[in-house]
Amino acid sequence: MKLLRILAILVVLAAIAGGAAYVMREEIVNWWLQKQLSAELSKIAGADVKTEAVRYRDGVLSAGLCRVSGENMPFASLEIRDARVPIDWERIKNPAGEPLRLEAAFVDLVWRDANASRPEKGPLIKAETSGITMPVVEMAAERFSYRHEDSAGWRIAESNVRGKYEAGEWSFSGRGGKLHAPGWTPLEIDSLAGRHRAGETILDHFALNGPKGSFVEGSAKGAEGEWSGDFRWKDVAMELVLPEGATKHFTARSSGSGRLADATFRGQMELAGAEARNLPALVKLASIFTGENYDNVAWETARFDFIRDARGAVLIENLTAISSKGLSLEGSGVFAQDHLSADLNLGLKREGRPWLVAFMPILFRSEKDGYLWTTVKVGGTPQAPTEDLTTRVVAALAVAPATQAVESVAEIPATAVEAAGGLLRSLLGR
């Protein structure tokens, strides 16, 4: 990135100034560095550069602080603390020889807001006026932090980063620290490696660890603020895919894979530990006839394909979910922050519920794989969903009263008959 080229420029200019220590007293050199270095760097780099506690001693140039900012920079500010550059006079005379090594205790990069005006592209310095040959530069930051100027979006906190500049390209790697993203639990940075050249950043590999053994890994490429990549994850929260608010009544750990391209994320997902809470629209049919408590329903099998667009809306297709409570769910739907729609098939396991056949074809339309199936249309919003199942259940009970239906099946226990008849009366207000 351009900011990394600035680091290389700072190293070279500071090293040239530091070479004067061989012909002048140390105090004079340090005074000159403190007074002149910021001004010279600001002029050549076309940015506001501030330095503090600049020293040259025993072949090491150091600075307590170096801060870079300016309207023509792609970032809002860059701050480097406790920087050290080993340098000697022979190295100064041949800046393009052995690599220059910059070590820093802390680097903080603040990126411009997404809506901020961007500078016109061009070189940070003019080679014909600077007289500088860019050397190979190796950089090490014990703690590297990245964030956005408006405090929105993702950020990196205190990762250990290594980088190398050579022939116009930066390569870098990192380990440790945390990645913070809105709505996510912070993820530990296990490792990352990539390169940057001519406005394009390539992450050859990254691996992030979450709580309880969860992880996200993959590769990505970014240019002009647009990213693409391939991702794989295991046991992460559903917020990875679903829009904000969609998990109010549903929790699970998700595993899957996907590809991001043209601001659209497509992939496959499988859920573990899935649980639906207080969703009578999807379980009302089962609770009507069994008298069981379905406030919380665990789904032992749940998988689907998904497409998430740039606005955060999610299309779910090929949904298959099975619960040990005798429920099966199939279908597709669309989830967004202000919109919800789905066409589902809800199946009730026939085994142990022989009276269900009394409601065919009034309520159940087909029988397959040991389940009786009925359709469910869902609408509204994730915060206030609507469904068409309840009214159809009441209508079906009115045509084929539950008490008569269960009494017509000899193997139904008396307790089930009483429960079904009581529920019918409460639904119809009798």
Protein backbone atom coordinates (compact mmCIF):
# COMPACT_ATOMS: atom_id res chain seq x y z
CA MET A 1 0.00 0.00 0.00
CA LYS A 2 1.02 3.65 -0.41
CA LEU A 3 1.46 4.06 3.32
CA LEU A 4 4.09 1.31 3.27
CA ARG A 5 6.00 3.16 0.56
CA ILE A 6 5.97 6.17 2.86
CA LEU A 7 7.66 4.06 5.52
CA ALA A 8 10.39 3.17 3.05
CA ILE A 9 10.88 6.84 2.18
CA LEU A 10 11.08 7.80 5.84
CA VAL A 11 13.70 5.16 6.47
CA VAL A 12 15.93 6.28 3.59
CA LEU A 13 15.73 9.99 4.37
CA ALA A 14 16.24 9.51 8.07
CA ALA A 15 19.17 7.21 7.43
CA ILE A 16 20.86 9.76 5.16
CA ALA A 17 20.49 12.41 7.84
CA GLY A 18 21.75 10.00 10.46
CA GLY A 19 24.95 9.42 8.50
CA ALA A 20 26.08 12.91 9.44
CA ALA A 21 26.77 11.59 12.93
CA TYR A 22 30.08 10.33 11.63
CA VAL A 23 31.31 13.87 10.95
CA MET A 24 29.46 15.92 13.58
CA ARG A 25 28.89 15.74 17.32
CA GLU A 26 25.97 13.59 18.45
CA GLU A 27 24.11 16.49 20.10
CA ILE A 28 24.24 18.58 16.94
CA VAL A 29 23.07 15.72 14.79
CA ASN A 30 20.13 14.96 17.05
CA TRP A 31 19.15 18.63 17.17
CA TRP A 32 19.32 18.85 13.37
CA LEU A 33 17.30 15.67 12.96
CA GLN A 34 14.62 16.89 15.37
CA LYS A 35 14.32 20.31 13.69
CA GLN A 36 14.73 19.43 10.02
CA LEU A 37 13.58 15.87 9.47
CA SER A 38 9.85 16.53 9.78
CA ALA A 39 10.03 19.51 7.42
CA GLU A 40 12.03 17.64 4.79
CA LEU A 41 9.82 14.57 4.93
CA SER A 42 6.67 16.70 4.74
CA LYS A 43 7.96 18.50 1.64
CA ILE A 44 9.07 15.40 -0.25
CA ALA A 45 6.16 13.13 0.69
CA GLY A 46 3.54 15.85 0.27
CA ALA A 47 2.14 15.14 3.72
CA ASP A 48 2.14 16.48 7.27
CA VAL A 49 4.91 14.65 9.11
CA LYS A 50 5.69 15.08 12.79
CA THR A 51 8.63 13.45 14.58
CA GLU A 52 9.66 13.43 18.23
CA ALA A 53 12.64 12.12 20.20
CA VAL A 54 14.82 11.51 17.14
CA ARG A 55 18.26 10.14 18.01
CA TYR A 56 21.28 8.62 16.31
CA ARG A 57 23.60 6.58 18.53
CA ASP A 58 25.86 3.57 18.10
CA GLY A 59 24.80 2.98 14.53
CA VAL A 60 21.04 3.05 15.29
CA LEU A 61 18.62 5.79 14.18
CA SER A 62 15.57 5.93 16.46
CA ALA A 63 12.42 8.01 16.82
CA GLY A 64 9.99 8.06 19.69
CA LEU A 65 7.18 9.17 17.40
CA CYS A 66 6.53 9.63 13.68
CA ARG A 67 3.04 10.73 12.62
CA VAL A 68 1.97 11.12 8.97
CA SER A 69 -1.28 12.68 7.72
CA GLY A 70 -2.55 14.82 4.87
CA GLU A 71 -5.35 15.34 2.38
CA ASN A 72 -3.49 13.60 -0.43
CA MET A 73 -2.90 10.48 1.66
CA PRO A 74 -5.16 7.41 1.24
CA PHE A 75 -5.34 7.17 5.04
CA ALA A 76 -6.40 9.66 7.71
CA SER A 77 -3.28 9.16 9.84
CA LEU A 78 -0.32 6.84 10.37
CA GLU A 79 1.46 6.78 13.72
CA ILE A 80 4.68 4.89 14.46
CA ARG A 81 6.12 4.75 17.97
CA ASP A 82 9.54 3.67 19.22
CA ALA A 83 11.02 3.06 15.76
CA ARG A 84 14.60 1.83 15.27
CA VAL A 85 16.73 1.60 12.10
CA PRO A 86 20.24 0.10 12.32
CA ILE A 87 22.35 2.10 9.84
CA ASP A 88 26.05 2.87 9.27
CA TRP A 89 28.02 5.21 7.03
CA GLU A 90 28.95 2.58 4.47
CA ARG A 91 25.26 1.67 4.16
CA ILE A 92 24.36 5.32 3.60
CA LYS A 93 26.69 5.54 0.63
CA ASN A 94 24.96 2.56 -0.98
CA PRO A 95 21.24 2.79 -0.07
CA ALA A 96 20.22 0.20 -2.67
CA GLY A 97 22.52 -2.48 -1.18
CA GLU A 98 21.55 -4.57 1.85
CA PRO A 99 17.93 -4.23 3.05
CA LEU A 100 17.06 -1.47 5.49
CA ARG A 101 15.42 -2.89 8.62
CA LEU A 102 12.79 -0.86 10.45
CA GLU A 103 11.53 -2.05 13.83
CA ALA A 104 8.64 -0.39 15.67
CA ALA A 105 6.97 -1.10 18.98
CA PHE A 106 3.60 0.20 17.78
CA VAL A 107 2.00 1.18 14.46
CA ASP A 108 -1.51 2.66 14.31
CA LEU A 109 -3.20 3.15 10.93
CA VAL A 110 -6.49 5.08 10.69
CA TRP A 111 -8.21 4.69 7.31
CA ARG A 112 -10.38 7.38 5.75
CA ASP A 113 -14.16 7.18 5.91
CA ALA A 114 -15.79 5.36 3.03
CA ASN A 115 -17.47 8.58 1.86
CA ALA A 116 -14.38 10.75 2.20
CA SER A 117 -12.95 12.30 -0.94
CA ARG A 118 -10.05 10.36 -2.44
CA PRO A 119 -6.84 11.93 -3.70
CA GLU A 120 -5.87 11.68 -7.31
CA LYS A 121 -3.61 8.72 -7.93
CA GLY A 122 0.05 9.25 -8.50
CA PRO A 123 3.45 8.58 -6.99
CA LEU A 124 4.02 9.75 -3.45
CA ILE A 125 7.36 11.26 -4.48
CA LYS A 126 8.84 12.27 -7.80
CA ALA A 127 11.88 10.17 -8.57
CA GLU A 128 13.39 12.83 -10.80
CA THR A 129 13.42 15.40 -8.00
CA SER A 130 14.00 13.23 -4.96
CA GLY A 131 17.22 11.63 -6.11
CA ILE A 132 16.32 8.57 -4.03
CA THR A 133 16.73 4.97 -5.14
CA MET A 134 14.17 2.88 -3.29
CA PRO A 135 16.01 0.16 -1.38
CA VAL A 136 14.71 -3.14 -0.10
CA VAL A 137 12.96 -2.39 3.21
CA GLU A 138 12.10 -4.90 5.90
CA MET A 139 9.65 -3.76 8.57
CA ALA A 140 8.58 -5.36 11.86
CA ALA A 141 5.80 -4.00 14.10
CA GLU A 142 5.34 -5.64 17.47
CA ARG A 143 1.81 -4.25 17.70
CA PHE A 144 -0.10 -3.15 14.59
CA SER A 145 -3.60 -1.67 14.77
CA TYR A 146 -5.98 -0.71 11.95
CA ARG A 147 -9.32 1.08 12.18
CA HIS A 148 -11.64 3.35 10.20
CA GLU A 149 -11.81 7.10 10.83
CA ASP A 150 -15.55 6.94 11.57
CA SER A 151 -15.06 3.96 13.95
CA ALA A 152 -17.38 1.87 11.77
CA GLY A 153 -16.51 -1.31 9.96
CA TRP A 154 -13.94 -3.91 10.95
CA ARG A 155 -10.67 -3.22 12.74
CA ILE A 156 -7.47 -5.00 13.74
CA ALA A 157 -6.10 -4.62 17.25
CA GLU A 158 -2.42 -5.15 18.12
CA SER A 159 -1.29 -7.81 15.69
CA ASN A 160 2.38 -8.70 15.26
CA VAL A 161 3.17 -7.82 11.63
CA ARG A 162 6.18 -8.29 9.36
CA GLY A 163 6.59 -6.71 5.93
CA LYS A 164 9.09 -6.45 3.09
CA TYR A 165 9.24 -3.92 0.25
CA GLU A 166 11.11 -4.87 -2.91
CA ALA A 167 10.81 -3.78 -6.54
CA GLY A 168 7.52 -1.96 -6.01
CA GLU A 169 5.79 -4.78 -4.10
CA TRP A 170 5.10 -5.26 -0.42
CA SER A 171 4.78 -8.73 1.08
CA PHE A 172 3.52 -9.09 4.64
CA SER A 173 2.51 -11.57 7.31
CA GLY A 174 0.91 -11.29 10.70
CA ARG A 175 0.06 -13.26 13.80
CA GLY A 176 -1.72 -12.51 17.06
CA GLY A 177 -4.06 -9.68 17.93
CA LYS A 178 -7.78 -9.56 17.25
CA LEU A 179 -10.15 -8.81 14.39
CA HIS A 180 -13.25 -6.87 15.45
CA ALA A 181 -16.30 -6.67 13.18
CA PRO A 182 -19.77 -5.20 13.90
CA GLY A 183 -22.09 -7.82 15.38
CA TRP A 184 -19.36 -10.44 15.72
CA THR A 185 -17.54 -11.83 18.70
CA PRO A 186 -13.88 -10.69 18.38
CA LEU A 187 -11.75 -13.23 16.50
CA GLU A 188 -8.15 -14.06 17.30
CA ILE A 189 -5.75 -13.67 14.35
CA ASP A 190 -4.00 -17.01 14.03
CA SER A 191 -2.10 -16.10 10.86
CA LEU A 192 -2.27 -14.05 7.68
CA ALA A 193 0.00 -13.60 4.69
CA GLY A 194 -0.30 -11.50 1.56
CA ARG A 195 1.15 -8.93 -0.80
CA HIS A 196 0.34 -5.52 -2.24
CA ARG A 197 1.30 -3.96 -5.57
CA ALA A 198 -0.13 -1.23 -7.80
CA GLY A 199 -3.31 -0.69 -5.82
CA GLU A 200 -4.14 -4.40 -5.46
CA THR A 201 -3.97 -6.31 -2.18
CA ILE A 202 -3.90 -10.10 -2.19
CA LEU A 203 -4.39 -12.15 0.98
CA ASP A 204 -2.91 -15.50 0.05
CA HIS A 205 -4.10 -16.97 3.33
CA PHE A 206 -5.74 -15.92 6.58
CA ALA A 207 -6.94 -17.90 9.61
CA LEU A 208 -9.04 -16.49 12.46
CA ASN A 209 -9.98 -18.30 15.67
CA GLY A 210 -13.17 -17.74 17.64
CA PRO A 211 -14.56 -19.09 20.93
CA LYS A 212 -15.09 -22.81 21.57
CA GLY A 213 -12.91 -24.02 18.71
CA SER A 214 -14.61 -21.99 15.95
CA PHE A 215 -12.56 -20.58 13.08
CA VAL A 216 -12.74 -18.72 9.76
CA GLU A 217 -10.09 -19.12 7.07
CA GLY A 218 -9.59 -18.47 3.37
CA SER A 219 -8.03 -16.17 0.80
CA ALA A 220 -9.10 -12.82 -0.69
CA LYS A 221 -8.20 -10.09 -3.17
CA GLY A 222 -9.06 -6.40 -2.97
CA ALA A 223 -8.73 -3.46 -5.38
CA GLU A 224 -10.41 -0.04 -5.34
CA GLY A 225 -12.34 -1.00 -2.20
CA GLU A 226 -13.91 -4.07 -3.83
CA TRP A 227 -13.11 -7.51 -2.41
CA SER A 228 -13.49 -11.07 -3.59
CA GLY A 229 -12.39 -14.32 -2.02
CA ASP A 230 -13.02 -17.86 -0.87
CA PHE A 231 -13.93 -18.63 2.74
CA ARG A 232 -14.43 -21.63 4.99
CA TRP A 233 -15.66 -21.62 8.57
CA LYS A 234 -16.66 -23.95 11.38
CA ASP A 235 -18.84 -23.51 14.47
CA VAL A 236 -19.25 -19.74 14.17
CA ALA A 237 -22.34 -17.75 15.15
CA MET A 238 -25.15 -17.30 12.65
CA GLU A 239 -24.44 -13.55 12.41
CA LEU A 240 -21.83 -14.47 9.79
CA VAL A 241 -24.60 -14.82 7.21
CA LEU A 242 -27.99 -13.73 8.54
CA PRO A 243 -28.88 -10.01 8.71
CA GLU A 244 -29.12 -8.13 11.99
CA GLY A 245 -32.21 -9.13 13.99
CA ALA A 246 -32.78 -12.39 12.13
CA THR A 247 -31.36 -14.48 14.98
CA LYS A 248 -33.72 -13.17 17.65
CA HIS A 249 -35.65 -16.44 17.75
CA PHE A 250 -32.99 -18.73 16.40
CA THR A 251 -29.49 -19.75 17.48
CA ALA A 252 -26.99 -22.21 16.04
CA ARG A 253 -23.34 -22.82 15.23
CA SER A 254 -22.68 -22.73 11.50
CA SER A 255 -20.10 -24.48 9.36
CA GLY A 256 -19.73 -24.02 5.63
CA SER A 257 -17.93 -22.48 2.70
CA GLY A 258 -18.61 -19.65 0.30
CA ARG A 259 -17.26 -17.27 -2.31
CA LEU A 260 -17.45 -13.47 -2.36
CA ALA A 261 -17.56 -11.80 -5.79
CA ASP A 262 -19.17 -8.58 -7.05
CA ALA A 263 -20.32 -7.74 -3.48
CA THR A 264 -22.34 -10.98 -3.36
CA PHE A 265 -21.57 -13.87 -1.03
CA ARG A 266 -22.68 -17.35 -2.17
CA GLY A 267 -22.19 -20.56 -0.28
CA GLN A 268 -23.46 -23.58 1.59
CA MET A 269 -24.05 -23.92 5.31
CA GLU A 270 -24.75 -26.67 7.81
CA LEU A 271 -25.92 -25.96 11.35
CA ALA A 272 -25.10 -27.61 14.66
CA GLY A 273 -26.90 -27.00 17.94
CA ALA A 274 -29.74 -25.29 16.09
CA GLU A 275 -32.64 -24.20 18.29
CA ALA A 276 -35.80 -22.25 17.49
CA ARG A 277 -37.43 -20.35 20.35
CA ASN A 278 -41.02 -19.16 20.54
CA LEU A 279 -41.84 -19.70 16.86
CA PRO A 280 -45.43 -20.98 17.00
CA ALA A 281 -45.87 -20.40 13.26
CA LEU A 282 -43.58 -23.32 12.41
CA VAL A 283 -44.50 -25.76 15.20
CA LYS A 284 -48.15 -25.02 15.93
CA LEU A 285 -49.37 -27.97 13.93
CA ALA A 286 -47.41 -30.49 16.01
CA SER A 287 -48.30 -28.94 19.35
CA ILE A 288 -52.00 -28.97 18.52
CA PHE A 289 -52.20 -32.74 18.36
CA THR A 290 -49.61 -33.94 20.83
CA GLY A 291 -49.96 -31.56 23.73
CA GLU A 292 -46.15 -31.28 23.91
CA ASN A 293 -44.18 -28.10 24.72
CA TYR A 294 -42.66 -26.62 21.59
CA ASP A 295 -41.45 -23.31 22.99
CA ASN A 296 -37.94 -24.54 22.18
CA VAL A 297 -37.33 -26.89 19.28
CA ALA A 298 -33.92 -28.41 18.57
CA TRP A 299 -33.09 -29.25 14.94
CA GLU A 300 -30.60 -32.11 14.73
CA THR A 301 -30.14 -31.67 10.97
CA ALA A 302 -30.20 -28.32 9.19
CA ARG A 303 -28.48 -27.34 5.94
CA PHE A 304 -29.10 -24.93 3.05
CA ASP A 305 -27.56 -22.87 0.24
CA PHE A 306 -27.47 -19.09 0.59
CA ILE A 307 -26.83 -15.88 -1.35
CA ARG A 308 -26.15 -12.65 0.55
CA ASP A 309 -26.17 -9.38 -1.43
CA ALA A 310 -24.41 -6.07 -0.78
CA ARG A 311 -27.39 -4.75 1.20
CA GLY A 312 -27.28 -7.66 3.65
CA ALA A 313 -30.40 -9.43 2.35
CA VAL A 314 -30.08 -13.23 2.32
CA LEU A 315 -31.72 -15.70 -0.03
CA ILE A 316 -31.92 -19.23 1.40
CA GLU A 317 -32.52 -22.17 -0.92
CA ASN A 318 -32.67 -25.96 -0.64
CA LEU A 319 -33.41 -25.79 3.08
CA THR A 320 -33.65 -29.15 4.85
CA ALA A 321 -34.16 -29.37 8.62
CA ILE A 322 -35.20 -32.31 10.83
CA SER A 323 -36.11 -32.28 14.52
CA SER A 324 -36.24 -35.28 16.85
CA LYS A 325 -39.64 -33.97 17.97
CA GLY A 326 -41.11 -35.30 14.75
CA LEU A 327 -40.83 -32.19 12.59
CA SER A 328 -39.31 -31.75 9.16
CA LEU A 329 -38.91 -28.50 7.23
CA GLU A 330 -38.11 -27.85 3.58
CA GLY A 331 -38.24 -24.80 1.34
CA SER A 332 -36.69 -21.41 0.59
CA GLY A 333 -36.94 -17.82 1.77
CA VAL A 334 -35.56 -14.28 1.83
CA PHE A 335 -34.36 -12.52 4.99
CA ALA A 336 -33.59 -8.81 5.23
CA GLN A 337 -33.59 -6.28 8.06
CA ASP A 338 -37.03 -4.98 7.06
CA HIS A 339 -38.45 -7.87 5.07
CA LEU A 340 -39.15 -11.57 5.50
CA SER A 341 -40.73 -14.03 3.10
CA ALA A 342 -40.59 -17.81 2.79
CA ASP A 343 -42.38 -20.72 1.12
CA LEU A 344 -42.00 -23.77 3.34
CA ASN A 345 -43.22 -27.32 3.57
CA LEU A 346 -43.76 -28.45 7.16
CA GLY A 347 -43.92 -32.16 7.82
CA LEU A 348 -45.21 -34.00 10.89
CA LYS A 349 -44.00 -37.52 11.46
CA ARG A 350 -46.93 -39.90 11.17
CA GLU A 351 -45.51 -42.53 13.51
CA GLY A 352 -47.17 -42.20 16.93
CA ARG A 353 -49.77 -39.77 15.54
CA PRO A 354 -52.16 -41.93 13.56
CA TRP A 355 -55.01 -39.44 13.92
CA LEU A 356 -53.26 -37.04 11.56
CA VAL A 357 -54.65 -38.94 8.55
CA ALA A 358 -58.10 -37.64 9.50
CA PHE A 359 -56.99 -34.21 8.29
CA MET A 360 -56.05 -35.32 4.78
CA PRO A 361 -56.59 -33.69 2.37
CA ILE A 362 -58.15 -30.81 4.30
CA LEU A 363 -54.88 -29.72 5.89
CA PHE A 364 -52.16 -32.11 4.78
CA ARG A 365 -51.58 -32.25 1.05
CA SER A 366 -49.26 -35.26 0.75
CA GLU A 367 -47.42 -38.01 2.56
CA LYS A 368 -43.73 -38.73 1.96
CA ASP A 369 -40.89 -40.39 3.87
CA GLY A 370 -43.15 -41.08 6.85
CA TYR A 371 -44.28 -37.44 7.16
CA LEU A 372 -47.57 -35.70 6.41
CA TRP A 373 -46.88 -32.36 4.74
CA THR A 374 -48.56 -28.95 4.75
CA THR A 375 -47.43 -25.66 3.22
CA VAL A 376 -46.52 -22.57 5.24
CA LYS A 377 -46.15 -19.05 3.86
CA VAL A 378 -44.16 -16.63 6.02
CA GLY A 379 -44.08 -12.83 5.65
CA GLY A 380 -43.63 -9.65 7.66
CA THR A 381 -40.25 -8.77 9.17
CA PRO A 382 -37.72 -10.75 11.24
CA GLN A 383 -38.91 -8.79 14.28
CA ALA A 384 -42.63 -9.37 13.57
CA PRO A 385 -43.13 -12.42 11.32
CA THR A 386 -46.52 -13.45 9.95
CA GLU A 387 -47.74 -16.87 8.76
CA ASP A 388 -50.82 -18.48 7.24
CA LEU A 389 -50.73 -21.77 9.16
CA THR A 390 -52.80 -20.90 12.21
CA THR A 391 -55.97 -19.89 10.31
CA ARG A 392 -55.79 -23.04 8.16
CA VAL A 393 -55.41 -25.23 11.24
CA VAL A 394 -58.50 -23.68 12.83
CA ALA A 395 -60.44 -24.11 9.59
CA ALA A 396 -59.40 -27.75 9.30
CA LEU A 397 -60.43 -28.46 12.89
CA ALA A 398 -63.81 -26.89 12.23
CA VAL A 399 -64.40 -29.25 9.31
CA ALA A 400 -62.95 -32.34 11.00
CA PRO A 401 -63.20 -31.75 14.79
CA ALA A 402 -60.22 -33.09 16.64
CA THR A 403 -62.25 -35.08 19.20
CA GLN A 404 -64.05 -37.04 16.48
CA ALA A 405 -60.88 -37.50 14.52
CA VAL A 406 -58.91 -39.02 17.36
CA GLU A 407 -61.81 -41.13 18.62
CA SER A 408 -62.02 -42.73 15.18
CA VAL A 409 -58.55 -44.19 15.66
CA ALA A 410 -58.58 -47.01 18.19
CA GLU A 411 -54.91 -46.86 19.16
CA ILE A 412 -55.04 -43.21 20.30
CA PRO A 413 -54.75 -42.93 24.12
CA ALA A 414 -57.53 -41.18 26.04
CA THR A 415 -55.16 -38.43 27.23
CA ALA A 416 -54.44 -37.45 23.64
CA VAL A 417 -58.18 -37.32 22.87
CA GLU A 418 -58.80 -35.02 25.82
CA ALA A 419 -55.85 -32.75 24.93
CA ALA A 420 -56.91 -32.40 21.30
CA GLY A 421 -60.53 -31.71 22.16
CA GLY A 422 -59.55 -29.09 24.77
CA LEU A 423 -57.32 -27.32 22.29
CA LEU A 424 -60.06 -27.29 19.67
CA ARG A 425 -62.48 -25.64 22.07
CA SER A 426 -59.94 -22.99 23.04
CA LEU A 427 -59.15 -22.22 19.39
CA LEU A 428 -62.79 -21.87 18.45
CA GLY A 429 -63.70 -19.99 21.61
CA ARG A 430 -66.19 -22.59 22.81
